[in-house]
Amino acid sequence: MFCDSCGRNAPCGVELRERTVSIRGTPIPVQYQAHICGMCGEEVYDEAIEARIMDIARSAYRKKERMLPAERLRAYMRANGISNTEMAERAGCAVAEIVAATTGRLLDAKADAKLKKVVGQ
């Protein structure tokens, strides 16, 4: 992998690390496997790892704030044969909010409460 710190293509090792991500002012600790440069010992940037860290942090935040899990919403919609548009109508939300919720992105508390009411959580 290419290391930005030392400017070389170098062999990398893997190390378990922890980072705290702030979501809406709430600190969320995330453990992840980082690529470590074999030449300089610095962490090598990997876009896929960064995306995974944010996915883990959003999921932990949703759980901590007792938001409706994306999996639960998708399962409800699948079990009832409901499209994003139909779910938006039932919940009184925008279709974009349904798409965001089903992919694990964060919603505001009002939209989350509307979805919980429909899903029955």
Protein backbone atom coordinates (compact mmCIF):
# COMPACT_ATOMS: atom_id res chain seq x y z
CA MET A 1 0.00 0.00 0.00
CA PHE A 2 1.08 3.58 -0.50
CA CYS A 3 1.92 5.41 2.70
CA ASP A 4 1.25 9.15 2.66
CA SER A 5 3.52 9.66 5.68
CA CYS A 6 6.72 8.27 4.18
CA GLY A 7 5.74 8.56 0.50
CA ARG A 8 6.47 4.94 -0.39
CA ASN A 9 4.73 1.80 -1.47
CA ALA A 10 5.40 -0.38 1.54
CA PRO A 11 4.24 -3.65 3.03
CA CYS A 12 1.66 -3.15 5.73
CA GLY A 13 0.68 -4.92 8.89
CA VAL A 14 -2.67 -4.83 10.65
CA GLU A 15 -3.24 -3.45 14.13
CA LEU A 16 -6.38 -3.11 16.24
CA ARG A 17 -6.97 0.55 17.05
CA GLU A 18 -9.66 2.66 18.63
CA ARG A 19 -10.90 6.06 17.56
CA THR A 20 -13.58 8.26 19.06
CA VAL A 21 -16.00 9.71 16.53
CA SER A 22 -18.25 12.61 17.52
CA ILE A 23 -21.79 12.35 16.18
CA ARG A 24 -24.07 15.25 17.03
CA GLY A 25 -21.80 16.04 19.96
CA THR A 26 -21.90 12.49 21.33
CA PRO A 27 -18.54 10.71 21.53
CA ILE A 28 -18.72 7.21 20.04
CA PRO A 29 -15.67 4.93 20.52
CA VAL A 30 -14.99 2.67 17.52
CA GLN A 31 -12.52 -0.22 17.32
CA TYR A 32 -11.18 -0.99 13.87
CA GLN A 33 -8.34 -2.78 12.11
CA ALA A 34 -5.84 -0.29 10.74
CA HIS A 35 -3.15 -0.82 8.11
CA ILE A 36 0.24 0.12 9.54
CA CYS A 37 3.14 1.04 7.24
CA GLY A 38 6.02 -1.41 7.56
CA MET A 39 8.54 1.37 6.82
CA CYS A 40 7.52 4.25 9.09
CA GLY A 41 4.96 2.67 11.45
CA GLU A 42 2.24 5.23 10.69
CA GLU A 43 -1.37 4.35 9.96
CA VAL A 44 -2.05 4.15 6.22
CA TYR A 45 -5.19 5.92 5.03
CA ASP A 46 -7.76 3.54 3.55
CA GLU A 47 -11.04 4.97 2.31
CA ALA A 48 -12.89 1.67 2.86
CA ILE A 49 -11.75 1.53 6.50
CA GLU A 50 -12.80 5.15 7.05
CA ALA A 51 -16.27 4.39 5.61
CA ARG A 52 -16.55 1.31 7.85
CA ILE A 53 -15.59 3.36 10.92
CA MET A 54 -18.39 5.82 10.15
CA ASP A 55 -20.90 2.99 9.58
CA ILE A 56 -19.99 1.46 12.94
CA ALA A 57 -20.22 4.86 14.66
CA ARG A 58 -23.63 5.66 13.15
CA SER A 59 -24.95 2.25 14.15
CA ALA A 60 -23.65 2.68 17.72
CA TYR A 61 -25.15 6.18 17.90
CA ARG A 62 -28.54 4.91 16.67
CA LYS A 63 -28.45 2.20 19.35
CA LYS A 64 -27.33 4.60 22.08
CA GLU A 65 -30.10 7.07 21.21
CA ARG A 66 -32.65 4.25 20.87
CA MET A 67 -33.32 5.08 17.23
CA LEU A 68 -35.07 2.59 14.97
CA PRO A 69 -32.44 0.20 13.57
CA ALA A 70 -32.16 0.26 9.78
CA GLU A 71 -32.43 -3.55 9.71
CA ARG A 72 -35.73 -3.43 11.60
CA LEU A 73 -37.20 -0.89 9.19
CA ARG A 74 -36.05 -2.86 6.13
CA ALA A 75 -37.47 -6.09 7.58
CA TYR A 76 -40.82 -4.40 8.30
CA MET A 77 -41.04 -3.00 4.79
CA ARG A 78 -40.04 -6.31 3.21
CA ALA A 79 -42.50 -8.34 5.32
CA ASN A 80 -45.35 -6.00 4.40
CA GLY A 81 -44.36 -5.44 0.77
CA ILE A 82 -44.04 -1.70 1.29
CA SER A 83 -42.05 0.57 -1.05
CA ASN A 84 -40.13 3.64 0.13
CA THR A 85 -42.92 5.85 -1.20
CA GLU A 86 -45.63 3.90 0.64
CA MET A 87 -43.61 3.94 3.86
CA ALA A 88 -43.12 7.70 3.54
CA GLU A 89 -46.87 8.16 3.17
CA ARG A 90 -47.66 5.97 6.19
CA ALA A 91 -45.12 7.73 8.39
CA GLY A 92 -45.67 11.26 7.13
CA CYS A 93 -42.01 11.57 6.14
CA ALA A 94 -40.19 12.44 2.95
CA VAL A 95 -39.08 9.57 0.72
CA ALA A 96 -35.49 10.76 1.19
CA GLU A 97 -35.84 10.22 4.94
CA ILE A 98 -37.01 6.64 4.34
CA VAL A 99 -34.06 5.99 2.03
CA ALA A 100 -31.70 7.47 4.63
CA ALA A 101 -33.23 5.42 7.45
CA THR A 102 -33.09 2.13 5.52
CA THR A 103 -29.41 2.67 4.71
CA GLY A 104 -28.46 3.48 8.32
CA ARG A 105 -27.97 7.21 7.94
CA LEU A 106 -29.13 9.40 10.77
CA LEU A 107 -32.49 11.11 10.99
CA ASP A 108 -33.76 13.82 13.24
CA ALA A 109 -35.69 12.71 16.34
CA LYS A 110 -39.09 13.64 14.88
CA ALA A 111 -38.67 11.52 11.74
CA ASP A 112 -37.37 8.62 13.83
CA ALA A 113 -40.40 8.85 16.15
CA LYS A 114 -42.77 8.76 13.15
CA LEU A 115 -41.11 5.63 11.80
CA LYS A 116 -41.16 3.92 15.22
CA LYS A 117 -44.88 4.60 15.47
CA VAL A 118 -45.57 2.90 12.12
CA VAL A 119 -43.22 -0.04 12.73
CA GLY A 120 -44.48 -0.49 16.28
CA GLN A 121 -41.33 -0.09 18.31
